[in-house]
């Protein structure tokens, strides 16, 4: 009998059939394989183990002969990102960077089953959508994401894909009746992890062809309902793409569920994995799997399904600044709409912007201020959730706001890893806060008032700027952005504007953007008059009378 390994099917699952003339040396080796099993009731007798890359590599190292099917599996598993070429995506509305084209080619090579682990700001969302653009037949596709990113997925899909996809965003923990054909006719169905479990049966009925799991490390806890729902939904789905900017190699336990969901052949059983890669140890009360061991070996294994890029690796492809708008839903919508209607009524009574401005500049600002505060209050919970996910990706954030209550809320939430600079901070303490952010790796967040910290300081320890609120002029906006984009900053700077949808925040953002493009305020250092923005803003609301 030869010493050989063959790929066979058992109850619909691929396994490795292992045959060898009986001897204690080979028997001892085979017994070390994860999930091995002896088939003594068969003739001839043989051993088997699950089709796992690690087991196949072990058999090869022991000089077992493998059949052509196992060799093909091995060759495919060895294909890594550096071995693929750029791909063009027909119909995509905007242009991709060169590295993004290679990433999508890798996804294609892996038949749409990959983990995109690129750093924050490198367009993981766009790459997943581009793959769906490449395959219009893979519909419907279900996108599971944190609640704070649902609207962003909808926005990006409409910006990038053509023809514009039909999209349904699911909400609520009590699934509402849906006509099966209507749901199936949607190209994209977007749902957040928090409500996936109650919607599970509805989603299974529509038979999705592709699943995208944003922030896939959300399924690290085996006891959580969302993890169970994701695993159930992922059964028998042909294409699964996971996204996560979290440095998974530092916390190997968190990636196990994600990898097994995407490709069950990469890693051994949980117990073997935890002991080999998670530094498993018993602490007297139970098992602790929070460590990291054999990380280089694990990284090599994951490269067969994982894309992992850092900003520093693709700087030549990136512009100096990338601006991104993150839409957030209000959780105080009724209160906001009531205040907005009152403002529109006030404009109507004053017969337009010129009369309104003459009536009282202070009164206008008071009414606009009320809308701005209601908008930022209504998005704060989701914004904090987004910030928490962002710092999990091992980045430092510079966050700008206007109101004291916003800054205080951030410090209350992230105080142990944050510093602040606002009007209440003395000059010595301001310098201390900047120094802490620049040099202390444990300080992950700088929270600044736009006026107090928008000029005169350097924050190049971060390449990610977040605006929770907006100033009145493009000049102030640019000055704040450039706290990170300065001499000494080697990375490009990604700038996020977190804006409440259908609110005054979007109106102000659009006007600032327009003024930044058409005025000389940026190139010549001029300051846009506040009154001109007020005039534009009132004109905008006047149109909605």
Protein backbone atom coordinates (compact mmCIF):
# COMPACT_ATOMS: atom_id res chain seq x y z
CA UNK A 1 0.00 0.00 0.00
CA UNK A 2 1.26 3.46 -0.89
CA UNK A 3 1.53 6.34 1.54
CA UNK A 4 -1.01 8.64 -0.11
CA UNK A 5 -3.70 11.26 0.47
CA UNK A 6 -6.80 11.63 -1.66
CA UNK A 7 -9.62 14.18 -1.78
CA UNK A 8 -13.02 12.52 -1.30
CA UNK A 9 -16.55 13.59 -0.36
CA UNK A 10 -18.24 12.40 2.82
CA UNK A 11 -21.83 13.43 3.46
CA UNK A 12 -21.37 16.34 1.10
CA UNK A 13 -18.18 17.60 2.77
CA UNK A 14 -14.65 17.36 1.32
CA UNK A 15 -12.21 15.35 3.44
CA UNK A 16 -8.70 13.99 3.05
CA UNK A 17 -8.51 10.19 2.84
CA UNK A 18 -5.15 8.99 4.26
CA UNK A 19 -3.74 5.54 3.47
CA UNK A 20 -0.43 4.00 4.51
CA UNK A 21 1.04 0.57 5.37
CA UNK A 22 0.64 0.13 9.10
CA UNK A 23 3.64 1.33 11.11
CA UNK A 24 3.84 3.15 14.43
CA UNK A 25 5.80 6.10 13.04
CA UNK A 26 3.17 7.09 10.48
CA UNK A 27 0.37 6.28 12.91
CA UNK A 28 1.88 8.71 15.44
CA UNK A 29 2.11 11.44 12.82
CA UNK A 30 -1.44 11.02 11.53
CA UNK A 31 -2.82 11.11 15.07
CA UNK A 32 -1.50 14.70 15.38
CA UNK A 33 -3.81 15.93 12.59
CA UNK A 34 -6.79 18.06 13.63
CA UNK A 35 -10.08 16.15 13.43
CA UNK A 36 -8.47 12.88 12.34
CA UNK A 37 -10.66 9.78 12.33
CA UNK A 38 -10.03 6.06 11.84
CA UNK A 39 -12.39 4.16 9.51
CA UNK A 40 -11.89 0.61 10.80
CA UNK A 41 -15.20 -0.61 9.38
CA UNK A 42 -14.08 0.04 5.80
CA UNK A 43 -12.06 -2.23 3.53
CA UNK A 44 -9.36 -1.40 3.17
CA UNK A 45 -9.18 0.51 6.44
CA UNK A 46 -8.05 4.15 6.29
CA UNK A 47 -7.74 7.38 8.24
CA UNK A 48 -9.31 10.74 7.32
CA UNK A 49 -9.22 14.37 8.40
CA UNK A 50 -11.07 17.54 7.38
CA UNK A 51 -9.77 19.36 4.31
CA UNK A 52 -7.57 21.89 6.10
CA UNK A 53 -4.53 23.53 4.57
CA UNK A 54 -2.44 22.87 7.68
CA UNK A 55 -3.16 19.13 7.55
CA UNK A 56 -2.36 18.92 3.85
CA UNK A 57 0.93 20.73 4.37
CA UNK A 58 1.79 18.32 7.19
CA UNK A 59 1.12 15.29 4.98
CA UNK A 60 3.36 16.76 2.28
CA UNK A 61 6.13 17.39 4.78
CA UNK A 62 5.88 13.71 5.78
CA UNK A 63 6.33 12.77 2.09
CA UNK A 64 2.81 11.47 1.52
CA UNK A 65 1.76 11.47 -2.14
CA UNK A 66 -1.26 13.71 -2.84
CA UNK A 67 -3.70 13.39 -5.74
CA UNK A 68 -4.29 16.05 -8.41
CA UNK A 69 -7.40 17.43 -6.69
CA UNK A 70 -5.49 18.09 -3.47
CA UNK A 71 -2.67 19.60 -5.52
CA UNK A 72 -5.14 21.97 -7.20
CA UNK A 73 -6.54 22.93 -3.81
CA UNK A 74 -3.03 23.59 -2.55
CA UNK A 75 -2.11 25.71 -5.58
CA UNK A 76 -5.24 27.80 -5.22
CA UNK A 77 -4.62 28.26 -1.51
CA UNK A 78 -1.11 29.49 -2.20
CA UNK A 79 -2.30 32.27 -4.52
CA UNK A 80 -1.64 35.55 -2.72
CA UNK A 81 -2.32 39.19 -3.45
CA UNK A 82 1.13 39.89 -4.90
CA UNK A 83 0.54 37.29 -7.62
CA UNK A 84 -2.51 38.93 -9.21
CA UNK A 85 -2.77 41.72 -11.78
CA UNK A 86 -4.99 44.79 -11.88
CA UNK A 87 -8.54 44.28 -13.10
CA UNK A 88 -10.93 46.67 -14.83
CA UNK A 89 -14.53 46.95 -13.59
CA UNK A 90 -17.00 47.74 -16.41
CA UNK A 91 -19.60 50.35 -15.53
CA UNK A 92 -18.00 51.61 -12.33
CA UNK A 93 -18.79 55.32 -12.09
CA UNK A 94 -15.53 56.47 -10.52
CA UNK A 95 -11.88 55.48 -10.85
CA UNK A 96 -10.12 53.04 -8.54
CA UNK A 97 -6.55 53.27 -7.30
CA UNK A 98 -4.12 50.71 -8.71
CA UNK A 99 -3.95 48.75 -5.44
CA UNK A 100 -7.75 48.58 -5.32
CA UNK A 101 -7.83 47.02 -8.78
CA UNK A 102 -5.37 44.37 -7.60
CA UNK A 103 -7.46 43.73 -4.50
CA UNK A 104 -10.59 43.15 -6.56
CA UNK A 105 -8.63 40.84 -8.87
CA UNK A 106 -7.65 38.85 -5.76
CA UNK A 107 -11.30 38.69 -4.66
CA UNK A 108 -12.13 37.38 -8.12
CA UNK A 109 -9.37 34.77 -7.92
CA UNK A 110 -10.82 33.58 -4.60
CA UNK A 111 -14.34 33.38 -6.04
CA UNK A 112 -15.62 36.13 -3.78
CA UNK A 113 -14.56 34.59 -0.48
CA UNK A 114 -11.98 36.85 1.17
CA UNK A 115 -11.17 38.93 4.20
CA UNK A 116 -10.31 42.55 3.34
CA UNK A 117 -8.15 43.74 6.23
CA UNK A 118 -6.87 47.03 4.82
CA UNK A 119 -6.23 49.94 7.14
CA UNK A 120 -8.92 52.53 7.71
CA UNK A 121 -9.26 55.00 4.83
CA UNK A 122 -8.15 52.69 2.02
CA UNK A 123 -11.61 51.99 0.60
CA UNK A 124 -12.65 48.54 1.83
CA UNK A 125 -16.30 49.44 1.20
CA UNK A 126 -15.56 50.49 -2.36
CA UNK A 127 -13.67 47.26 -3.11
CA UNK A 128 -16.58 45.11 -1.93
CA UNK A 129 -19.05 47.15 -3.99
CA UNK A 130 -16.77 46.97 -7.04
CA UNK A 131 -16.82 43.17 -6.82
CA UNK A 132 -20.63 43.29 -6.83
CA UNK A 133 -20.47 45.67 -9.82
CA UNK A 134 -18.28 43.11 -11.60
CA UNK A 135 -20.92 40.42 -10.97
CA UNK A 136 -24.45 41.80 -11.50
CA UNK A 137 -25.71 38.21 -11.51
CA UNK A 138 -24.87 37.83 -7.82
CA UNK A 139 -28.12 39.28 -6.55
CA UNK A 140 -29.54 39.85 -4.11
CA UNK A 141 -26.54 40.69 -1.94
CA UNK A 142 -26.96 41.23 1.79
CA UNK A 143 -24.69 43.74 3.55
CA UNK A 144 -24.44 43.38 7.33
CA UNK A 145 -22.85 46.36 9.04
CA UNK A 146 -22.79 48.35 12.28
CA UNK A 147 -25.84 50.62 12.52
CA UNK A 148 -23.68 53.73 12.20
CA UNK A 149 -22.58 52.70 8.68
CA UNK A 150 -25.87 51.63 7.08
CA UNK A 151 -26.49 54.96 5.36
CA UNK A 152 -22.86 55.15 4.26
CA UNK A 153 -23.16 51.83 2.43
CA UNK A 154 -26.26 53.11 0.65
CA UNK A 155 -24.49 56.36 -0.27
CA UNK A 156 -21.36 54.64 -1.60
CA UNK A 157 -23.36 52.11 -3.62
CA UNK A 158 -25.23 54.92 -5.38
CA UNK A 159 -22.01 56.87 -5.99
CA UNK A 160 -20.02 53.95 -7.45
CA UNK A 161 -22.36 51.40 -9.03
CA UNK A 162 -24.21 51.60 -12.34
CA UNK A 163 -26.93 51.28 -13.12
CA UNK A 164 -27.82 52.61 -9.68
CA UNK A 165 -28.77 49.55 -7.61
CA UNK A 166 -32.13 49.15 -5.92
CA UNK A 167 -31.46 49.19 -2.19
CA UNK A 168 -33.52 48.26 0.83
CA UNK A 169 -32.39 49.21 4.33
CA UNK A 170 -33.96 47.02 7.01
CA UNK A 171 -34.68 48.39 10.47
CA UNK A 172 -36.45 47.40 13.67
CA UNK A 173 -36.27 44.26 15.79
CA UNK A 174 -39.73 43.12 14.67
CA UNK A 175 -39.56 42.14 10.99
CA UNK A 176 -42.38 43.75 9.08
CA UNK A 177 -44.21 41.75 6.37
CA UNK A 178 -42.31 41.79 3.11
CA UNK A 179 -43.34 40.45 -0.24
CA UNK A 180 -40.70 37.86 -1.09
CA UNK A 181 -40.45 38.88 -4.74
CA UNK A 182 -40.08 42.55 -3.83
CA UNK A 183 -37.21 41.81 -1.49
CA UNK A 184 -35.55 39.46 -3.93
CA UNK A 185 -35.75 42.10 -6.64
CA UNK A 186 -33.60 44.46 -4.59
CA UNK A 187 -29.95 44.39 -5.59
CA UNK A 188 -28.67 45.24 -2.12
CA UNK A 189 -30.24 44.66 1.27
CA UNK A 190 -28.54 46.48 4.14
CA UNK A 191 -29.04 45.47 7.78
CA UNK A 192 -27.17 46.09 11.03
CA UNK A 193 -25.78 43.34 13.27
CA UNK A 194 -28.00 44.33 16.20
CA UNK A 195 -31.20 43.29 14.42
CA UNK A 196 -29.87 40.44 12.26
CA UNK A 197 -31.15 37.66 14.53
CA UNK A 198 -34.87 38.52 14.30
CA UNK A 199 -34.57 39.12 10.55
CA UNK A 200 -32.69 35.87 9.92
CA UNK A 201 -35.51 33.73 8.56
CA UNK A 202 -36.71 36.50 6.25
CA UNK A 203 -33.22 36.92 4.80
CA UNK A 204 -32.73 33.17 4.33
CA UNK A 205 -35.94 32.98 2.31
CA UNK A 206 -34.68 35.43 -0.31
CA UNK A 207 -31.65 33.19 -0.98
CA UNK A 208 -28.88 35.81 -1.14
CA UNK A 209 -26.05 35.05 -3.55
CA UNK A 210 -23.45 37.19 -1.80
CA UNK A 211 -22.88 38.36 1.77
CA UNK A 212 -20.74 41.27 2.88
CA UNK A 213 -19.90 41.59 6.57
CA UNK A 214 -18.50 45.00 7.48
CA UNK A 215 -16.45 45.11 10.71
CA UNK A 216 -16.59 41.32 10.70
CA UNK A 217 -14.75 41.16 14.03
CA UNK A 218 -18.22 41.87 15.50
CA UNK A 219 -18.74 38.09 15.40
CA UNK A 220 -15.84 37.23 17.72
CA UNK A 221 -18.14 36.18 20.59
CA UNK A 222 -19.59 32.71 20.03
CA UNK A 223 -22.33 33.27 22.60
CA UNK A 224 -23.70 36.43 20.99
CA UNK A 225 -26.94 36.18 19.02
CA UNK A 226 -25.46 38.14 16.14
CA UNK A 227 -22.59 35.63 15.81
CA UNK A 228 -25.04 32.73 15.70
CA UNK A 229 -27.17 34.60 13.16
CA UNK A 230 -24.16 35.36 10.92
CA UNK A 231 -23.02 31.74 10.97
CA UNK A 232 -26.53 30.55 10.13
CA UNK A 233 -27.02 33.08 7.35
CA UNK A 234 -23.61 32.23 5.87
CA UNK A 235 -24.40 28.54 5.35
CA UNK A 236 -24.33 27.55 1.68
CA UNK A 237 -23.85 31.13 0.45
CA UNK A 238 -21.42 31.03 -2.50
CA UNK A 239 -19.70 34.40 -1.94
CA UNK A 240 -18.75 35.93 1.43
CA UNK A 241 -16.59 39.01 1.87
CA UNK A 242 -15.51 40.14 5.33
CA UNK A 243 -14.17 43.63 6.06
CA UNK A 244 -12.13 44.68 9.08
CA UNK A 245 -9.38 47.21 9.69
CA UNK A 246 -8.69 45.74 13.13
CA UNK A 247 -5.12 44.38 13.57
CA UNK A 248 -6.27 40.80 13.86
CA UNK A 249 -2.81 39.32 14.18
CA UNK A 250 -2.47 41.04 17.56
CA UNK A 251 -5.66 39.36 18.79
CA UNK A 252 -5.87 36.05 16.94
CA UNK A 253 -8.90 34.82 18.88
CA UNK A 254 -11.05 37.54 17.29
CA UNK A 255 -10.51 36.40 13.72
CA UNK A 256 -11.28 32.70 14.11
CA UNK A 257 -15.03 32.87 13.43
CA UNK A 258 -14.55 35.22 10.48
CA UNK A 259 -11.98 33.01 8.77
CA UNK A 260 -13.96 29.80 9.33
CA UNK A 261 -17.03 31.52 7.85
CA UNK A 262 -15.14 32.64 4.74
CA UNK A 263 -13.04 29.51 4.20
CA UNK A 264 -13.34 26.50 6.45
CA UNK A 265 -10.11 24.96 5.11
CA UNK A 266 -7.62 27.52 6.43
CA UNK A 267 -7.63 26.90 10.18
CA UNK A 268 -7.88 23.82 12.41
CA UNK A 269 -10.58 23.24 15.05
CA UNK A 270 -11.00 25.93 17.69
CA UNK A 271 -9.20 24.09 20.47
CA UNK A 272 -6.12 23.46 18.34
CA UNK A 273 -6.20 27.02 17.01
CA UNK A 274 -6.51 28.59 20.47
CA UNK A 275 -3.55 26.64 21.82
CA UNK A 276 -1.32 27.24 18.83
CA UNK A 277 -2.06 30.88 18.04
CA UNK A 278 -3.80 32.43 21.07
CA UNK A 279 -1.38 31.51 23.86
CA UNK A 280 -4.07 29.46 25.60
CA UNK A 281 -3.51 29.15 29.34
CA UNK A 282 -5.56 28.15 32.33
CA UNK A 283 -5.74 30.91 34.93
CA UNK A 284 -7.21 28.79 37.72
CA UNK A 285 -10.79 29.74 36.86
CA UNK A 286 -10.96 28.93 33.18
CA UNK A 287 -9.14 29.13 29.88
CA UNK A 288 -7.67 32.44 28.71
CA UNK A 289 -7.33 32.81 24.92
CA UNK A 290 -6.37 36.49 24.81
CA UNK A 291 -2.71 35.96 23.90
CA UNK A 292 -0.89 35.85 20.58
CA UNK A 293 1.60 33.13 19.63
CA UNK A 294 3.10 31.91 16.35
CA UNK A 295 1.81 35.11 14.75
CA UNK A 296 4.09 34.98 11.68
CA UNK A 297 2.88 31.49 10.85
CA UNK A 298 -0.74 32.56 11.31
CA UNK A 299 -0.21 35.59 9.10
CA UNK A 300 1.16 33.37 6.34
CA UNK A 301 -1.87 31.10 6.55
CA UNK A 302 -4.31 33.99 6.40
CA UNK A 303 -2.66 35.44 3.30
CA UNK A 304 -4.36 32.74 1.27
CA UNK A 305 -7.69 34.55 1.80
CA UNK A 306 -6.70 37.92 3.29
CA UNK A 307 -5.82 41.30 1.83
CA UNK A 308 -3.91 43.45 4.32
CA UNK A 309 -2.57 46.83 3.27
CA UNK A 310 -1.30 49.75 5.31
CA UNK A 311 -1.36 53.36 4.20
CA UNK A 312 2.41 53.48 4.15
CA UNK A 313 2.41 50.67 1.55
CA UNK A 314 0.30 52.57 -1.01
CA UNK A 315 1.22 56.22 -0.43
CA UNK A 316 2.28 56.70 -4.05
CA UNK A 317 -1.28 55.83 -5.15
CA UNK A 318 -3.02 58.18 -2.73
CA UNK A 319 -3.66 61.93 -2.94
CA UNK A 320 -2.49 64.15 -0.08
CA UNK A 321 -6.03 64.33 1.30
CA UNK A 322 -9.09 62.11 1.01
CA UNK A 323 -12.42 63.63 2.04
CA UNK A 324 -15.29 61.34 3.05
CA UNK A 325 -18.84 62.13 4.16
CA UNK A 326 -20.43 59.77 6.68
CA UNK A 327 -24.22 60.16 6.92
CA UNK A 328 -25.88 59.44 10.27
CA UNK A 329 -29.58 59.04 11.09
CA UNK A 330 -31.15 61.22 13.79
CA UNK A 331 -32.60 59.53 16.86
CA UNK A 332 -34.52 62.74 17.73
CA UNK A 333 -36.04 63.27 14.32
CA UNK A 334 -39.47 64.46 15.51
CA UNK A 335 -37.93 67.10 17.76
CA UNK A 336 -35.61 68.28 15.00
CA UNK A 337 -38.33 68.46 12.33
CA UNK A 338 -40.55 70.50 14.66
CA UNK A 339 -37.76 73.04 15.27
CA UNK A 340 -36.95 73.18 11.55
CA UNK A 341 -40.59 73.84 10.64
CA UNK A 342 -40.66 76.65 13.18
CA UNK A 343 -37.57 78.16 11.54
CA UNK A 344 -39.12 77.96 8.08
CA UNK A 345 -42.28 79.58 9.43
CA UNK A 346 -40.19 82.38 10.91
CA UNK A 347 -38.53 83.00 7.54
CA UNK A 348 -41.95 83.04 5.88
CA UNK A 349 -43.20 85.64 8.35
CA UNK A 350 -40.14 87.80 7.70
CA UNK A 351 -40.65 87.48 3.93
CA UNK A 352 -37.26 86.15 2.90
CA UNK A 353 -33.59 86.34 3.76
CA UNK A 354 -33.03 90.10 3.45
CA UNK A 355 -35.88 90.94 5.80
CA UNK A 356 -34.86 88.13 8.14
CA UNK A 357 -31.29 89.38 8.34
CA UNK A 358 -32.49 92.95 8.97
CA UNK A 359 -34.86 91.69 11.68
CA UNK A 360 -32.07 90.55 13.97
CA UNK A 361 -28.76 88.89 13.23
CA UNK A 362 -28.67 87.55 16.80
CA UNK A 363 -32.13 86.05 16.45
CA UNK A 364 -31.15 84.25 13.25
CA UNK A 365 -28.08 82.79 14.91
CA UNK A 366 -30.15 81.66 17.89
CA UNK A 367 -32.61 79.81 15.67
CA UNK A 368 -29.85 78.26 13.55
CA UNK A 369 -27.93 77.37 16.69
CA UNK A 370 -30.97 75.47 17.96
CA UNK A 371 -31.09 73.41 14.77
CA UNK A 372 -27.34 72.72 14.87
CA UNK A 373 -27.48 71.53 18.49
CA UNK A 374 -30.47 69.27 17.86
CA UNK A 375 -28.72 67.76 14.83
CA UNK A 376 -25.50 66.96 16.68
CA UNK A 377 -27.42 65.57 19.69
CA UNK A 378 -29.43 63.31 17.40
CA UNK A 379 -26.36 61.71 15.81
CA UNK A 380 -24.10 61.46 18.89
CA UNK A 381 -24.84 57.85 19.81
CA UNK A 382 -24.05 56.56 16.32
CA UNK A 383 -21.04 58.87 16.02
CA UNK A 384 -19.59 57.50 19.28
CA UNK A 385 -20.16 53.95 18.01
CA UNK A 386 -18.28 54.83 14.82
CA UNK A 387 -15.40 56.38 16.78
CA UNK A 388 -15.19 53.28 18.99
CA UNK A 389 -14.92 51.06 15.90
CA UNK A 390 -12.33 53.37 14.34
CA UNK A 391 -9.93 53.27 17.29
CA UNK A 392 -10.26 49.48 17.29
CA UNK A 393 -8.47 49.70 13.94
CA UNK A 394 -5.36 50.92 15.77
CA UNK A 395 -5.52 54.49 14.45
CA UNK A 396 -5.27 57.82 16.22
CA UNK A 397 -8.11 60.29 15.64
CA UNK A 398 -8.20 64.07 15.70
CA UNK A 399 -11.83 65.05 16.34
CA UNK A 400 -13.09 68.61 15.94
CA UNK A 401 -16.31 69.99 17.40
CA UNK A 402 -17.87 73.35 18.27
CA UNK A 403 -20.09 72.92 21.30
CA UNK A 404 -18.84 72.24 24.81
CA UNK A 405 -21.46 69.53 25.43
CA UNK A 406 -20.15 67.59 22.40
CA UNK A 407 -16.54 67.80 23.59
CA UNK A 408 -17.56 66.83 27.13
CA UNK A 409 -19.53 63.83 25.84
CA UNK A 410 -16.48 62.56 23.96
CA UNK A 411 -14.19 63.02 26.95
CA UNK A 412 -16.70 61.26 29.21
CA UNK A 413 -16.78 58.32 26.78
CA UNK A 414 -13.08 58.11 25.88
CA UNK A 415 -11.37 60.03 28.67
CA UNK A 416 -8.80 57.36 29.49
CA UNK A 417 -7.42 57.43 25.95
CA UNK A 418 -8.17 61.04 25.00
CA UNK A 419 -6.95 64.60 25.51
CA UNK A 420 -8.83 67.81 24.78
CA UNK A 421 -8.10 71.39 23.83
CA UNK A 422 -10.91 73.93 24.09
CA UNK A 423 -11.42 77.37 25.55
CA UNK A 424 -11.20 76.08 29.11
CA UNK A 425 -7.66 74.70 28.67
CA UNK A 426 -4.74 76.95 29.65
CA UNK A 427 -1.76 77.37 27.34
CA UNK A 428 0.58 75.11 29.40
CA UNK A 429 -2.10 72.39 29.53
CA UNK A 430 -2.78 72.84 25.82
CA UNK A 431 0.88 72.19 25.04
CA UNK A 432 0.86 69.21 27.39
CA UNK A 433 -2.23 67.73 25.68
CA UNK A 434 -0.64 68.10 22.24
CA UNK A 435 2.60 66.51 23.45
CA UNK A 436 0.71 63.59 25.00
CA UNK A 437 -1.17 62.94 21.78
CA UNK A 438 1.98 63.19 19.68
CA UNK A 439 4.18 60.92 21.79
CA UNK A 440 2.01 58.61 23.94
CA UNK A 441 0.76 55.58 21.99
CA UNK A 442 -1.95 55.00 24.61
CA UNK A 443 -3.54 58.38 23.87
CA UNK A 444 -5.62 57.61 20.81
CA UNK A 445 -7.97 60.60 20.52
CA UNK A 446 -7.45 64.37 20.39
CA UNK A 447 -10.68 66.29 20.89
CA UNK A 448 -10.49 69.94 19.91
CA UNK A 449 -12.70 72.96 19.61
CA UNK A 450 -12.28 74.21 16.04
CA UNK A 451 -11.45 77.77 17.10
CA UNK A 452 -9.22 76.86 20.06
CA UNK A 453 -7.23 74.09 18.38
CA UNK A 454 -7.70 74.77 14.67
CA UNK A 455 -4.51 76.82 14.41
CA UNK A 456 -1.03 76.92 15.90
CA UNK A 457 -0.60 73.24 16.82
CA UNK A 458 0.78 70.16 15.11
CA UNK A 459 -1.00 66.80 15.35
CA UNK A 460 0.93 64.68 12.84
CA UNK A 461 0.74 61.59 15.06
CA UNK A 462 -2.62 61.11 13.34
CA UNK A 463 -3.54 60.89 9.69
CA UNK A 464 -7.28 60.76 10.36
CA UNK A 465 -9.36 63.89 11.02
CA UNK A 466 -13.03 63.76 12.05
CA UNK A 467 -15.43 66.71 12.02
CA UNK A 468 -18.43 66.16 14.29
CA UNK A 469 -19.49 69.77 13.75
CA UNK A 470 -18.65 72.35 11.11
CA UNK A 471 -17.34 75.91 11.36
CA UNK A 472 -18.81 78.89 9.50
CA UNK A 473 -16.01 79.39 6.99
CA UNK A 474 -13.96 77.23 4.60
CA UNK A 475 -10.83 78.87 5.96
CA UNK A 476 -11.48 77.56 9.47
CA UNK A 477 -12.18 74.13 8.02
CA UNK A 478 -8.91 74.02 6.11
CA UNK A 479 -6.90 75.31 9.06
CA UNK A 480 -8.31 72.54 11.25
CA UNK A 481 -7.61 69.87 8.60
CA UNK A 482 -4.02 71.05 8.34
CA UNK A 483 -3.23 70.30 11.98
CA UNK A 484 -2.49 66.79 10.64
CA UNK A 485 -1.54 67.65 7.07
CA UNK A 486 1.74 69.43 7.87
CA UNK A 487 5.43 69.13 7.18
CA UNK A 488 6.48 65.95 8.96
CA UNK A 489 3.31 64.02 8.11
CA UNK A 490 4.39 61.07 5.97
CA UNK A 491 0.92 59.62 5.41
CA UNK A 492 -1.93 61.01 3.41
CA UNK A 493 -4.68 62.48 5.58
CA UNK A 494 -8.20 61.05 5.54
CA UNK A 495 -10.88 63.53 6.60
CA UNK A 496 -14.33 62.38 7.70
CA UNK A 497 -17.36 64.63 8.00
CA UNK A 498 -19.97 62.95 10.20
CA UNK A 499 -23.22 64.65 9.27
CA UNK A 500 -26.84 64.08 10.27
CA UNK A 501 -28.86 63.38 7.11
CA UNK A 502 -31.56 65.79 5.97
CA UNK A 503 -30.52 68.44 8.48
CA UNK A 504 -28.92 71.86 8.61
CA UNK A 505 -25.55 70.11 8.86
CA UNK A 506 -25.82 68.90 5.28
CA UNK A 507 -26.88 72.36 4.13
CA UNK A 508 -23.88 74.00 5.80
CA UNK A 509 -21.51 71.32 4.47
CA UNK A 510 -22.74 71.81 0.90
CA UNK A 511 -22.33 75.57 1.16
CA UNK A 512 -18.87 75.34 2.69
CA UNK A 513 -17.82 72.96 -0.05
CA UNK A 514 -19.17 75.27 -2.75
CA UNK A 515 -17.45 78.31 -1.25
CA UNK A 516 -14.21 76.39 -0.86
CA UNK A 517 -14.26 75.67 -4.58
CA UNK A 518 -15.34 79.03 -5.96
CA UNK A 519 -13.87 81.59 -3.59
CA UNK A 520 -10.28 82.65 -3.08
CA UNK A 521 -10.47 81.97 0.65
CA UNK A 522 -8.18 78.93 0.52
CA UNK A 523 -5.59 79.98 -2.04
CA UNK A 524 -5.26 83.58 -0.84
CA UNK A 525 -5.98 83.08 2.85
CA UNK A 526 -9.09 85.26 2.75
CA UNK A 527 -11.92 84.62 5.16
CA UNK A 528 -15.45 84.07 3.90
CA UNK A 529 -17.90 86.44 5.53
CA UNK A 530 -20.20 84.76 8.01
CA UNK A 531 -23.12 86.81 6.73
CA UNK A 532 -22.72 85.41 3.23
CA UNK A 533 -23.17 81.89 4.58
CA UNK A 534 -26.19 83.02 6.58
CA UNK A 535 -27.66 84.56 3.44
CA UNK A 536 -27.14 81.33 1.50
CA UNK A 537 -28.58 79.27 4.33
CA UNK A 538 -31.72 81.34 4.68
CA UNK A 539 -32.18 81.35 0.90
CA UNK A 540 -31.98 77.57 0.98
CA UNK A 541 -34.68 77.28 3.63
CA UNK A 542 -36.76 79.89 1.83
CA UNK A 543 -36.89 77.54 -1.16
CA UNK A 544 -38.52 74.94 1.07
CA UNK A 545 -41.43 77.15 2.10
